[in-house]
Amino acid sequence: MAEKKYTIEELMQNETIASFAVSADSRKILYSSDKTGNYNVFELDQEKGRHRQTTSLDENALVSFIFEDGSFIFAMDKGGDELHHLYLFSDEEIRDLTPFEKTKSGFHMSVGDKVYYYSNRIDKSRFDLYRFNEGDLTSELVFENKDLFELGPISSDERFIALRKLRTANDSDIYLYNFVNGDIKLLSPHQSEANFKPLFFSIDSLKLYYVSDSAGEFMTLWEMNIESRVSEEILDLEWDIIAGRMSEDGENAVLVLNRDGFSELHVIETKSNSLKMPPIKTSGVVYDQCFSKDGQLLYYLCDSATSSPNIFSINLETKKTKKLTDSMSRNVNSNDLSEASVLRFVSYDGLEVPGIFYPPKNVPAGEKAPAVVWVHGGPGGQSLPKYSPEIQFIANHGYAIYAVNNRGSSGYGKSFFRAADHKHGEADLDDCVEAARFLATLDFIDEERIAINGGSYGGFMVLAALAFRPKEFKAGIDLFGVSNWVRTLKEVPAWWKAIKDLLYTKIGNPFEEEEYLKSISPLFHAERIERPLLVLQGVNDPRVLKVESDEIVESLKKNGVPVEYVVFEDEGHGFKKKVNRIKGAKAMLAFLDKYLR
């Protein structure tokens, strides 16, 4: 029996929940959903089982924290410009708590009822740490981040904050700052390249839990005695531990594991540092997690390839899980959608490369399916088995999709991650080419009808494929991709100053290696592009400026190459509003049908 063929409007009826916060008594959960077309805040009354919309805004409102009186803090930017402010919603009124023009602020964490946030109001290139004062919520500067640290966890006695210093994408350190006396100390001296990332403090503030790949390929869990600075590895789960959080009573902690792209939750008892229960395995991605104030419940936000994100709770004693939201539309049957699975192939030099495969649906009997190699952003990102209306729409209309995790992707060990350093647009590009050749070996794929699609860094890979491997793909779809690395690396957003060196190490230094960067920038080789291209771009994108797309489109037009261009006036780096995502998805499918059918 054939699966239903869905319109993109039907698939977009599934809500995306982007963030959530739980009240101190666990009676209410606030969450940000795009049910209205963009993200607004909704309230779930757990006692009554009722949902109601709380905000009615035209921009994306992402909830962060609930106060005991029911008021809450949310973040919001304008048109995707990423210049978020923090707002207070109280008694049906909204107040901007960070009303500073052309600045960026965000929720950092709470300690009890105290809220800490970051802002670049003093210096646009760095994020300092502030605390809202109780009562009037005026701001107090508590840490001036002149050395451009990544802000980490704060101890429960508010004496310490753990900081991370990124040296390259492959090497970092942990520092400890003492709020009382202003001392700052290095906690992770090491010789060879290794990453260190702080997660949380013990409840007595005497120990720091962190993850590191210093002992092997993956990030494992360590515990450090702060006074003696002696560390001990306490948990190796054979894949990267990517996040973690301590319960307020300090008895348990939750860790998020990235196992081959799929998220798992592991709960440990901190007294013994042993696993409390079997892992909570998911069919997709966990985006956030927190404990109830009494530590009895663990809440988490999770999706899968065939189900949009929902909030779940699990009782740590009974081990019973409860789904608290229902984001899927009644008009969409998950069984009709394309299940994600991991497929691997051996690339040009013998390296095994993984990817997430979505089989085609509704392929006419006796026909082979066209396919799309889908490239993630980054550099250093990872394609994950999460719900994407766009991927499901295209797969549902008869296309196989292979979201390749080329070398340089995160999640597969530090050697794989750094395998494309200073070889981007070359070593990783050939993995994408090999991915297409791998698809061509599958007996249900038409080897003559394979396209390439990608966003951000993946968009660059699309342009690079068409320019430097012009015969390999039938067509390309570029979503806000880099065409000129010299300009992009010179004009990164001010608040990216802390990771400039990281980008220069991975890709190249625009002030010292201009000719090399020109050699891998598709704009300077646009005359080699001969296959059709679709470009989608947001006007307000602060990361990949619109001129990157404007110029590659203009170059192809001059050369007589088929090119289509879709511009969104109210979007930035990535498209959030449903009306725009619907338009973009329709343009992608129409383009693929035009050149691959």
Protein backbone atom coordinates (compact mmCIF):
# COMPACT_ATOMS: atom_id res chain seq x y z
CA MET A 1 0.00 0.00 0.00
CA ALA A 2 1.41 3.39 -1.03
CA GLU A 3 2.07 6.01 1.60
CA LYS A 4 0.10 9.23 1.53
CA LYS A 5 1.70 12.01 -0.47
CA TYR A 6 1.78 15.12 1.72
CA THR A 7 1.84 18.80 0.89
CA ILE A 8 4.46 20.89 2.67
CA GLU A 9 1.61 22.78 4.34
CA GLU A 10 0.44 19.53 5.93
CA LEU A 11 3.92 18.64 7.17
CA MET A 12 4.37 22.15 8.54
CA GLN A 13 1.23 21.67 10.64
CA ASN A 14 3.46 19.63 12.92
CA GLU A 15 4.70 22.02 15.59
CA THR A 16 8.34 22.60 16.38
CA ILE A 17 9.01 23.14 20.09
CA ALA A 18 12.29 25.00 20.44
CA SER A 19 12.68 25.54 24.21
CA PHE A 20 10.92 24.97 27.52
CA ALA A 21 11.05 25.89 31.22
CA VAL A 22 9.47 24.25 34.27
CA SER A 23 8.02 26.08 37.27
CA ALA A 24 9.49 25.43 40.72
CA ASP A 25 6.42 23.41 41.78
CA SER A 26 6.31 21.55 38.41
CA ARG A 27 2.68 22.54 37.97
CA LYS A 28 3.35 24.56 34.84
CA ILE A 29 5.59 24.14 31.84
CA LEU A 30 6.18 26.98 29.43
CA TYR A 31 7.37 26.12 25.95
CA SER A 32 8.07 27.95 22.69
CA SER A 33 6.19 26.53 19.72
CA ASP A 34 5.85 27.69 16.11
CA LYS A 35 2.17 26.70 16.04
CA THR A 36 1.24 30.30 15.13
CA GLY A 37 3.72 30.44 12.24
CA ASN A 38 6.61 31.73 14.35
CA TYR A 39 7.69 30.90 17.88
CA ASN A 40 5.38 32.05 20.66
CA VAL A 41 5.24 30.98 24.30
CA PHE A 42 2.57 28.48 25.40
CA GLU A 43 1.68 27.27 28.88
CA LEU A 44 0.89 23.71 29.94
CA ASP A 45 -1.00 23.41 33.22
CA GLN A 46 -0.01 19.89 34.29
CA GLU A 47 -2.75 19.57 36.90
CA LYS A 48 -5.53 20.47 34.47
CA GLY A 49 -3.85 19.12 31.35
CA ARG A 50 -4.61 22.33 29.50
CA HIS A 51 -2.49 24.25 27.00
CA ARG A 52 -2.90 27.95 26.29
CA GLN A 53 -1.04 30.51 24.23
CA THR A 54 0.69 33.13 26.38
CA THR A 55 2.37 35.49 23.89
CA SER A 56 1.17 36.73 20.50
CA LEU A 57 4.27 38.13 18.87
CA ASP A 58 5.40 38.40 15.26
CA GLU A 59 9.03 37.56 16.07
CA ASN A 60 10.41 34.35 17.58
CA ALA A 61 10.03 34.26 21.38
CA LEU A 62 12.14 31.58 23.10
CA VAL A 63 11.29 30.99 26.77
CA SER A 64 14.20 30.65 29.21
CA PHE A 65 13.11 30.82 32.86
CA ILE A 66 9.99 30.96 35.09
CA PHE A 67 9.91 32.93 38.35
CA GLU A 68 7.85 31.72 41.33
CA ASP A 69 5.18 34.37 40.69
CA GLY A 70 4.59 32.98 37.18
CA SER A 71 6.38 35.73 35.29
CA PHE A 72 9.01 34.52 32.86
CA ILE A 73 11.99 35.52 30.77
CA PHE A 74 12.24 34.92 27.04
CA ALA A 75 14.71 35.82 24.30
CA MET A 76 13.78 37.43 20.99
CA ASP A 77 15.60 38.94 18.02
CA LYS A 78 14.29 40.86 15.00
CA GLY A 79 13.97 39.22 11.63
CA GLY A 80 16.68 36.66 12.35
CA ASP A 81 19.43 39.24 12.97
CA GLU A 82 20.60 37.22 16.04
CA LEU A 83 20.73 40.38 18.17
CA HIS A 84 18.60 38.82 20.88
CA HIS A 85 17.30 40.76 23.86
CA LEU A 86 15.89 39.29 27.06
CA TYR A 87 12.31 40.20 27.91
CA LEU A 88 10.16 39.83 31.01
CA PHE A 89 6.54 38.74 30.61
CA SER A 90 4.56 39.69 33.71
CA ASP A 91 0.86 40.44 34.19
CA GLU A 92 0.28 40.41 30.41
CA GLU A 93 2.95 43.07 29.91
CA ILE A 94 6.34 42.71 28.23
CA ARG A 95 9.46 44.61 29.30
CA ASP A 96 12.83 44.63 27.58
CA LEU A 97 15.37 43.77 30.28
CA THR A 98 18.38 44.40 28.01
CA PRO A 99 17.35 47.49 25.99
CA PHE A 100 20.71 48.19 24.40
CA GLU A 101 20.82 48.87 20.67
CA LYS A 102 22.80 46.54 18.40
CA THR A 103 23.73 44.22 21.27
CA LYS A 104 23.17 40.53 21.90
CA SER A 105 22.05 39.03 25.21
CA GLY A 106 21.02 35.55 26.28
CA PHE A 107 20.01 33.45 29.28
CA HIS A 108 23.01 31.66 30.78
CA MET A 109 21.68 29.69 33.77
CA SER A 110 19.85 30.00 37.06
CA VAL A 111 21.14 29.23 40.54
CA GLY A 112 18.10 28.85 42.74
CA ASP A 113 15.97 31.89 41.93
CA LYS A 114 18.88 33.95 40.65
CA VAL A 115 19.20 34.40 36.91
CA TYR A 116 22.52 34.89 35.16
CA TYR A 117 22.77 36.10 31.58
CA TYR A 118 25.42 37.13 29.07
CA SER A 119 25.60 40.32 27.03
CA ASN A 120 28.04 42.15 24.78
CA ARG A 121 26.80 45.62 25.73
CA ILE A 122 30.27 46.79 26.90
CA ASP A 123 32.28 45.32 24.04
CA LYS A 124 30.55 43.86 20.98
CA SER A 125 33.29 41.23 20.62
CA ARG A 126 32.81 39.55 24.00
CA PHE A 127 30.08 38.24 26.29
CA ASP A 128 30.28 39.42 29.89
CA LEU A 129 28.29 37.75 32.67
CA TYR A 130 25.49 39.59 34.49
CA ARG A 131 23.00 38.72 37.20
CA PHE A 132 19.49 40.08 37.53
CA ASN A 133 18.93 41.54 40.98
CA GLU A 134 15.90 40.21 42.80
CA GLY A 135 12.86 42.46 42.83
CA ASP A 136 13.45 45.11 40.20
CA LEU A 137 15.55 42.84 37.92
CA THR A 138 18.21 45.48 37.42
CA SER A 139 21.48 44.07 36.12
CA GLU A 140 24.73 43.55 37.98
CA LEU A 141 27.98 42.85 36.14
CA VAL A 142 29.61 39.88 37.88
CA PHE A 143 32.34 38.85 35.42
CA GLU A 144 34.03 41.00 32.80
CA ASN A 145 35.12 38.53 30.15
CA LYS A 146 38.14 40.35 28.72
CA ASP A 147 39.94 37.14 27.76
CA LEU A 148 37.01 35.87 25.67
CA PHE A 149 36.22 32.73 27.62
CA GLU A 150 33.23 30.52 26.91
CA LEU A 151 31.03 30.87 29.98
CA GLY A 152 30.37 27.61 31.82
CA PRO A 153 28.53 26.36 34.92
CA ILE A 154 28.23 28.33 38.17
CA SER A 155 28.58 26.55 41.52
CA SER A 156 25.52 26.28 43.77
CA ASP A 157 27.16 28.51 46.41
CA GLU A 158 27.79 31.10 43.65
CA ARG A 159 31.46 31.20 44.49
CA PHE A 160 32.85 29.80 41.23
CA ILE A 161 32.25 29.80 37.52
CA ALA A 162 34.02 27.32 35.25
CA LEU A 163 35.27 28.83 32.01
CA ARG A 164 36.42 27.29 28.76
CA LYS A 165 39.14 28.71 26.55
CA LEU A 166 39.00 27.58 22.93
CA ARG A 167 42.45 27.59 21.34
CA THR A 168 41.49 25.68 18.20
CA ALA A 169 38.56 23.43 17.37
CA ASN A 170 40.70 20.55 18.61
CA ASP A 171 42.22 22.08 21.73
CA SER A 172 40.71 23.86 24.74
CA ASP A 173 41.20 24.42 28.46
CA ILE A 174 39.12 24.83 31.60
CA TYR A 175 39.69 27.74 33.98
CA LEU A 176 38.12 28.44 37.36
CA TYR A 177 37.12 31.98 38.33
CA ASN A 178 36.47 32.87 41.97
CA PHE A 179 33.74 35.52 42.28
CA VAL A 180 34.82 36.31 45.86
CA ASN A 181 38.49 37.21 45.35
CA GLY A 182 38.72 37.52 41.56
CA ASP A 183 41.33 34.76 41.19
CA ILE A 184 41.41 32.76 37.99
CA LYS A 185 43.21 29.42 37.70
CA LEU A 186 43.97 26.97 34.91
CA LEU A 187 42.52 23.55 35.74
CA SER A 188 43.53 21.53 32.67
CA PRO A 189 47.22 21.88 31.83
CA HIS A 190 48.10 19.47 29.03
CA GLN A 191 50.67 18.98 26.28
CA SER A 192 49.08 17.38 23.22
CA GLU A 193 45.84 18.60 21.65
CA ALA A 194 42.75 17.78 23.71
CA ASN A 195 39.37 19.30 24.40
CA PHE A 196 38.06 20.02 27.89
CA LYS A 197 34.51 21.20 28.60
CA PRO A 198 33.00 21.87 32.07
CA LEU A 199 29.50 20.51 32.74
CA PHE A 200 28.50 21.12 36.38
CA PHE A 201 29.75 21.38 39.97
CA SER A 202 28.97 19.00 42.81
CA ILE A 203 26.29 20.25 45.20
CA ASP A 204 28.95 21.15 47.80
CA SER A 205 30.95 23.09 45.17
CA LEU A 206 34.07 21.05 45.97
CA LYS A 207 34.19 19.10 42.70
CA LEU A 208 33.84 19.92 39.03
CA TYR A 209 32.47 17.46 36.51
CA TYR A 210 33.74 17.89 32.97
CA VAL A 211 34.15 16.00 29.70
CA SER A 212 37.38 15.56 27.78
CA ASP A 213 38.85 13.58 24.90
CA SER A 214 42.32 13.68 26.48
CA ALA A 215 42.27 9.91 27.09
CA GLY A 216 40.99 8.80 23.70
CA GLU A 217 38.89 9.63 20.66
CA PHE A 218 35.67 10.59 22.44
CA MET A 219 34.53 12.95 25.21
CA THR A 220 34.33 11.02 28.49
CA LEU A 221 33.20 12.16 31.95
CA TRP A 222 35.74 13.25 34.55
CA GLU A 223 35.55 14.48 38.14
CA MET A 224 38.05 16.99 39.56
CA ASN A 225 38.72 17.89 43.18
CA ILE A 226 38.93 21.67 42.95
CA GLU A 227 41.33 22.13 45.86
CA SER A 228 43.85 19.44 44.87
CA ARG A 229 43.09 19.67 41.12
CA VAL A 230 43.29 15.89 40.92
CA SER A 231 41.05 14.43 38.20
CA GLU A 232 39.62 10.97 37.70
CA GLU A 233 37.85 9.57 34.65
CA ILE A 234 34.55 8.16 35.89
CA LEU A 235 32.52 7.25 32.81
CA ASP A 236 33.44 6.21 29.27
CA LEU A 237 30.38 5.53 27.11
CA GLU A 238 32.38 4.93 23.91
CA TRP A 239 30.78 7.90 22.12
CA ASP A 240 30.77 11.63 22.88
CA ILE A 241 29.08 12.87 26.05
CA ILE A 242 27.95 16.27 24.78
CA ALA A 243 25.99 17.81 27.68
CA GLY A 244 25.04 17.30 31.30
CA ARG A 245 23.15 18.80 34.21
CA MET A 246 22.98 18.28 37.98
CA SER A 247 19.71 18.06 39.92
CA GLU A 248 19.17 20.83 42.49
CA ASP A 249 19.46 18.39 45.39
CA GLY A 250 22.77 17.18 43.97
CA GLU A 251 21.83 13.51 44.12
CA ASN A 252 21.61 12.84 40.39
CA ALA A 253 22.96 14.15 37.13
CA VAL A 254 21.87 13.57 33.55
CA LEU A 255 24.27 13.18 30.64
CA VAL A 256 23.44 13.43 26.94
CA LEU A 257 25.28 10.94 24.75
CA ASN A 258 25.60 11.24 20.98
CA ARG A 259 25.65 7.61 19.80
CA ASP A 260 26.12 7.58 16.03
CA GLY A 261 23.90 10.67 15.76
CA PHE A 262 21.11 9.37 18.02
CA SER A 263 20.73 10.87 21.51
CA GLU A 264 20.70 8.86 24.72
CA LEU A 265 20.14 10.10 28.27
CA HIS A 266 22.21 8.55 31.05
CA VAL A 267 21.35 9.31 34.68
CA ILE A 268 24.07 8.89 37.30
CA GLU A 269 23.96 8.92 41.10
CA THR A 270 26.59 11.46 42.09
CA LYS A 271 27.36 9.86 45.45
CA SER A 272 28.76 6.76 43.76
CA ASN A 273 29.22 8.17 40.24
CA SER A 274 27.42 5.08 38.97
CA LEU A 275 24.56 4.74 36.50
CA LYS A 276 21.20 4.96 38.26
CA MET A 277 19.13 3.26 35.56
CA PRO A 278 19.37 1.88 32.02
CA PRO A 279 19.93 4.54 29.36
CA ILE A 280 16.93 6.39 27.97
CA LYS A 281 17.31 5.68 24.27
CA THR A 282 15.63 7.88 21.71
CA SER A 283 14.95 7.61 17.99
CA GLY A 284 16.26 11.09 17.37
CA VAL A 285 17.77 14.11 19.08
CA VAL A 286 17.51 15.50 22.63
CA TYR A 287 17.63 19.31 22.55
CA ASP A 288 17.32 20.19 26.24
CA GLN A 289 16.83 18.55 29.62
CA CYS A 290 16.30 19.54 33.25
CA PHE A 291 15.24 18.11 36.61
CA SER A 292 12.21 19.11 38.63
CA LYS A 293 13.15 21.18 41.67
CA ASP A 294 12.60 18.18 43.99
CA GLY A 295 14.76 15.99 41.75
CA GLN A 296 12.08 13.34 41.24
CA LEU A 297 11.39 14.02 37.57
CA LEU A 298 13.62 14.45 34.55
CA TYR A 299 12.19 16.53 31.70
CA TYR A 300 13.57 16.47 28.19
CA LEU A 301 12.76 17.81 24.71
CA CYS A 302 13.19 15.24 21.98
CA ASP A 303 12.16 14.42 18.41
CA SER A 304 12.82 11.78 15.76
CA ALA A 305 13.02 11.78 11.98
CA THR A 306 9.29 11.00 11.77
CA SER A 307 7.99 12.91 14.80
CA SER A 308 8.31 16.61 15.60
CA PRO A 309 9.77 17.65 19.00
CA ASN A 310 7.85 16.93 22.19
CA ILE A 311 8.47 17.39 25.90
CA PHE A 312 8.68 14.21 27.99
CA SER A 313 9.07 13.50 31.70
CA ILE A 314 10.41 10.40 33.39
CA ASN A 315 9.95 9.53 37.04
CA LEU A 316 13.38 8.49 38.30
CA GLU A 317 11.92 6.08 40.86
CA THR A 318 9.19 4.34 38.84
CA LYS A 319 11.07 4.78 35.53
CA LYS A 320 7.76 5.65 33.85
CA THR A 321 7.89 8.06 30.91
CA LYS A 322 5.09 10.48 30.05
CA LYS A 323 4.66 12.55 26.88
CA LEU A 324 3.52 16.02 27.91
CA THR A 325 2.93 17.66 24.53
CA ASP A 326 1.53 16.46 21.22
CA SER A 327 3.17 18.41 18.44
CA MET A 328 2.17 16.13 15.55
CA SER A 329 -0.78 17.12 13.41
CA ARG A 330 -3.67 14.66 13.22
CA ASN A 331 -3.40 15.01 9.45
CA VAL A 332 0.09 13.46 9.39
CA ASN A 333 0.74 9.77 10.00
CA SER A 334 4.33 9.10 11.10
CA ASN A 335 4.16 5.71 9.40
CA ASP A 336 3.95 7.48 6.04
CA LEU A 337 7.20 9.33 6.66
CA SER A 338 10.77 8.28 5.97
CA GLU A 339 12.56 6.56 8.86
CA ALA A 340 16.18 7.55 9.33
CA SER A 341 18.95 4.95 9.42
CA VAL A 342 22.73 5.11 9.43
CA LEU A 343 24.51 3.96 6.28
CA ARG A 344 28.28 3.94 5.83
CA PHE A 345 30.53 3.81 2.80
CA VAL A 346 34.27 3.59 2.21
CA SER A 347 35.55 6.85 0.75
CA TYR A 348 38.30 7.54 -1.79
CA ASP A 349 41.20 6.93 0.63
CA GLY A 350 39.73 4.04 2.61
CA LEU A 351 38.16 6.15 5.36
CA GLU A 352 34.72 4.96 6.44
CA VAL A 353 32.17 7.78 6.26
CA PRO A 354 28.70 7.67 7.88
CA GLY A 355 25.48 9.37 6.92
CA ILE A 356 21.77 9.47 7.74
CA PHE A 357 19.67 7.86 5.01
CA TYR A 358 16.02 8.64 4.31
CA PRO A 359 14.48 6.17 1.83
CA PRO A 360 12.23 7.55 -0.92
CA LYS A 361 8.46 7.24 -0.68
CA ASN A 362 5.84 7.08 -3.44
CA VAL A 363 8.23 5.94 -6.17
CA PRO A 364 6.28 4.66 -9.19
CA ALA A 365 6.47 0.89 -9.60
CA GLY A 366 9.33 -0.23 -11.77
CA GLU A 367 11.17 3.10 -11.56
CA LYS A 368 14.39 4.00 -9.83
CA ALA A 369 14.40 7.00 -7.51
CA PRO A 370 16.41 10.20 -7.90
CA ALA A 371 18.53 11.14 -4.89
CA VAL A 372 19.96 14.11 -3.01
CA VAL A 373 23.23 14.27 -1.08
CA TRP A 374 22.41 16.58 1.86
CA VAL A 375 25.35 18.40 3.49
CA HIS A 376 25.21 19.86 7.01
CA GLY A 377 26.50 23.22 8.23
CA GLY A 378 29.63 23.95 10.20
CA PRO A 379 32.40 23.42 9.54
CA GLY A 380 32.33 20.67 12.11
CA GLY A 381 28.58 20.13 12.31
CA GLN A 382 26.76 16.82 12.11
CA SER A 383 23.66 15.60 10.30
CA LEU A 384 21.31 14.13 12.90
CA PRO A 385 18.12 12.03 12.64
CA LYS A 386 15.82 14.89 13.64
CA TYR A 387 12.46 15.95 12.29
CA SER A 388 12.79 18.11 9.18
CA PRO A 389 9.61 18.97 7.26
CA GLU A 390 11.76 19.84 4.25
CA ILE A 391 13.57 16.50 4.20
CA GLN A 392 10.34 14.58 4.74
CA PHE A 393 8.56 16.58 2.03
CA ILE A 394 11.22 15.81 -0.57
CA ALA A 395 11.56 12.15 0.48
CA ASN A 396 7.77 11.79 0.50
CA HIS A 397 7.72 12.94 -3.12
CA GLY A 398 10.01 10.20 -4.34
CA TYR A 399 13.58 11.29 -3.58
CA ALA A 400 16.14 9.35 -1.57
CA ILE A 401 18.11 11.62 0.76
CA TYR A 402 21.52 10.87 2.17
CA ALA A 403 22.65 13.37 4.83
CA VAL A 404 26.37 12.70 4.66
CA ASN A 405 28.63 13.23 7.65
CA ASN A 406 31.81 13.86 5.70
CA ARG A 407 35.21 13.96 7.35
CA GLY A 408 35.44 17.01 9.57
CA SER A 409 32.03 16.28 11.09
CA SER A 410 31.66 16.08 14.85
CA GLY A 411 30.40 13.00 16.67
CA TYR A 412 32.80 10.37 15.31
CA GLY A 413 35.95 10.96 17.32
CA LYS A 414 38.60 13.66 17.30
CA SER A 415 40.65 12.13 14.48
CA PHE A 416 37.66 12.14 12.13
CA PHE A 417 36.78 15.69 13.24
CA ARG A 418 40.17 17.15 12.37
CA ALA A 419 40.65 15.09 9.18
CA ALA A 420 39.51 18.02 7.01
CA ASP A 421 41.35 20.82 8.83
CA HIS A 422 42.76 23.24 6.28
CA LYS A 423 41.46 20.93 3.55
CA HIS A 424 37.85 22.08 3.49
CA GLY A 425 36.35 22.21 0.05
CA GLU A 426 38.80 19.50 -0.92
CA ALA A 427 39.04 16.42 1.32
CA ASP A 428 35.47 16.74 2.59
CA LEU A 429 34.15 17.65 -0.85
CA ASP A 430 35.44 14.37 -2.23
CA ASP A 431 33.55 12.55 0.53
CA CYS A 432 30.38 14.17 -0.83
CA VAL A 433 31.28 12.99 -4.32
CA GLU A 434 31.90 9.49 -2.98
CA ALA A 435 28.53 9.66 -1.20
CA ALA A 436 26.86 10.18 -4.58
CA ARG A 437 28.80 7.26 -6.03
CA PHE A 438 27.75 5.14 -3.07
CA LEU A 439 24.09 6.01 -3.69
CA ALA A 440 24.56 5.02 -7.32
CA THR A 441 25.44 1.48 -6.21
CA LEU A 442 22.02 1.01 -4.58
CA ASP A 443 19.75 -0.86 -6.96
CA PHE A 444 16.77 1.45 -6.37
CA ILE A 445 18.66 4.71 -7.06
CA ASP A 446 19.03 6.25 -10.53
CA GLU A 447 22.74 7.06 -10.81
CA GLU A 448 22.05 9.70 -13.47
CA ARG A 449 19.75 11.74 -11.23
CA ILE A 450 21.65 12.75 -8.10
CA ALA A 451 21.69 16.35 -6.80
CA ILE A 452 23.46 18.02 -3.87
CA ASN A 453 21.85 20.25 -1.23
CA GLY A 454 23.29 22.07 1.78
CA GLY A 455 22.96 25.05 4.11
CA SER A 456 25.58 27.46 5.45
CA TYR A 457 28.86 25.55 5.28
CA GLY A 458 26.87 22.88 3.46
CA GLY A 459 25.82 25.57 0.99
CA PHE A 460 29.50 26.26 0.34
CA MET A 461 29.96 22.54 -0.32
CA VAL A 462 27.17 22.68 -2.90
CA LEU A 463 28.86 25.58 -4.69
CA ALA A 464 32.25 23.86 -4.42
CA ALA A 465 30.82 20.65 -5.87
CA LEU A 466 29.37 22.49 -8.87
CA ALA A 467 32.56 24.53 -9.41
CA PHE A 468 35.30 21.99 -8.70
CA ARG A 469 33.53 18.70 -9.52
CA PRO A 470 31.23 20.07 -12.25
CA LYS A 471 30.17 16.72 -13.74
CA GLU A 472 29.37 14.83 -10.52
CA PHE A 473 25.92 16.22 -9.63
CA LYS A 474 22.92 16.90 -11.82
CA ALA A 475 21.98 20.08 -9.92
CA GLY A 476 22.60 21.93 -6.66
CA ILE A 477 20.58 23.71 -3.97
CA ASP A 478 22.50 26.25 -1.90
CA LEU A 479 20.92 27.65 1.27
CA PHE A 480 22.85 30.74 2.48
CA GLY A 481 26.21 29.23 1.57
CA VAL A 482 29.64 30.87 1.51
CA SER A 483 30.91 31.71 -1.96
CA ASN A 484 33.90 33.88 -0.96
CA TRP A 485 35.87 32.71 2.09
CA VAL A 486 38.15 35.75 2.11
CA ARG A 487 35.25 38.11 2.72
CA THR A 488 33.33 35.80 5.06
CA LEU A 489 36.29 35.17 7.35
CA LYS A 490 37.18 38.85 7.47
CA GLU A 491 33.62 39.92 8.24
CA VAL A 492 32.46 37.42 10.87
CA PRO A 493 30.03 38.86 13.46
CA ALA A 494 31.73 40.88 16.20
CA TRP A 495 30.65 38.38 18.85
CA TRP A 496 32.57 35.62 17.02
CA LYS A 497 35.93 37.13 17.93
CA ALA A 498 36.55 34.32 20.42
CA ILE A 499 36.35 31.68 17.69
CA LYS A 500 38.14 33.52 14.89
CA ASP A 501 41.35 31.57 15.45
CA LEU A 502 39.34 28.38 15.47
CA LEU A 503 37.90 29.20 12.05
CA TYR A 504 41.28 30.27 10.72
CA THR A 505 42.82 26.96 11.79
CA LYS A 506 40.07 24.88 10.25
CA ILE A 507 39.64 26.83 7.01
CA GLY A 508 42.40 29.41 6.54
CA ASN A 509 43.59 32.85 7.65
CA PRO A 510 42.21 35.53 5.27
CA PHE A 511 45.00 37.96 6.17
CA GLU A 512 47.82 35.48 5.54
CA GLU A 513 46.37 32.93 3.11
CA GLU A 514 44.23 34.97 0.76
CA GLU A 515 45.34 33.16 -2.39
CA TYR A 516 44.67 29.76 -0.86
CA LEU A 517 41.20 30.85 0.27
CA LYS A 518 40.48 32.19 -3.20
CA SER A 519 41.49 28.82 -4.61
CA ILE A 520 38.72 27.07 -2.62
CA SER A 521 36.11 29.87 -2.94
CA PRO A 522 33.54 29.03 -5.65
CA LEU A 523 32.95 32.68 -6.55
CA PHE A 524 36.42 32.92 -8.10
CA HIS A 525 35.78 29.81 -10.18
CA ALA A 526 32.16 30.41 -11.15
CA GLU A 527 32.99 30.05 -14.84
CA ARG A 528 33.42 26.31 -14.22
CA ILE A 529 29.84 25.87 -13.00
CA GLU A 530 27.58 24.38 -15.66
CA ARG A 531 24.82 22.58 -13.75
CA PRO A 532 21.59 24.31 -12.55
CA LEU A 533 21.59 26.01 -9.15
CA LEU A 534 18.87 27.15 -6.73
CA VAL A 535 19.91 29.65 -4.02
CA LEU A 536 17.89 30.58 -0.90
CA GLN A 537 19.03 33.46 1.32
CA GLY A 538 17.85 35.56 4.28
CA VAL A 539 18.40 39.32 4.05
CA ASN A 540 19.33 39.68 7.73
CA ASP A 541 21.90 36.88 7.87
CA PRO A 542 24.83 38.10 10.05
CA ARG A 543 27.02 35.06 9.38
CA VAL A 544 26.81 34.52 5.63
CA LEU A 545 26.05 37.95 4.22
CA LYS A 546 23.50 38.25 1.44
CA VAL A 547 26.21 39.49 -0.91
CA GLU A 548 27.66 35.96 -0.86
CA SER A 549 24.55 34.70 -2.62
CA ASP A 550 24.00 37.83 -4.73
CA GLU A 551 27.39 37.56 -6.38
CA ILE A 552 27.31 33.84 -7.17
CA VAL A 553 23.83 34.22 -8.66
CA GLU A 554 24.95 37.18 -10.78
CA SER A 555 28.01 35.27 -11.98
CA LEU A 556 25.93 32.31 -13.13
CA LYS A 557 23.45 34.57 -14.88
CA LYS A 558 26.29 36.20 -16.82
CA ASN A 559 27.55 32.77 -17.81
CA GLY A 560 24.13 31.60 -18.97
CA VAL A 561 23.84 28.86 -16.33
CA PRO A 562 20.29 28.13 -15.11
CA VAL A 563 19.97 29.73 -11.66
CA GLU A 564 16.99 30.52 -9.44
CA TYR A 565 17.11 32.84 -6.42
CA VAL A 566 14.70 33.01 -3.46
CA VAL A 567 15.24 35.80 -0.93
CA PHE A 568 13.47 36.19 2.43
CA GLU A 569 13.31 39.75 3.74
CA ASP A 570 12.56 38.75 7.35
CA GLU A 571 14.98 35.85 7.90
CA GLY A 572 18.58 35.46 8.95
CA HIS A 573 20.89 32.45 9.08
CA GLY A 574 18.34 29.68 8.80
CA PHE A 575 14.64 30.10 8.17
CA LYS A 576 12.25 30.06 11.13
CA LYS A 577 8.88 31.38 9.97
CA LYS A 578 6.56 28.75 8.56
CA VAL A 579 5.38 30.85 5.63
CA ASN A 580 8.98 31.21 4.48
CA ARG A 581 9.87 27.58 5.07
CA ILE A 582 6.84 26.53 3.03
CA LYS A 583 7.89 28.79 0.16
CA GLY A 584 11.45 27.50 0.36
CA ALA A 585 10.45 23.83 0.41
CA LYS A 586 8.15 24.29 -2.57
CA ALA A 587 10.95 25.99 -4.48
CA MET A 588 13.34 23.13 -3.69
CA LEU A 589 10.95 20.39 -4.81
CA ALA A 590 9.95 22.28 -7.96
CA PHE A 591 13.63 22.78 -8.80
CA LEU A 592 14.45 19.10 -8.27
CA ASP A 593 11.45 18.01 -10.31
CA LYS A 594 12.50 20.35 -13.11
CA TYR A 595 16.05 19.06 -13.41
CA LEU A 596 15.93 15.49 -12.06
CA ARG A 597 12.61 14.22 -13.41
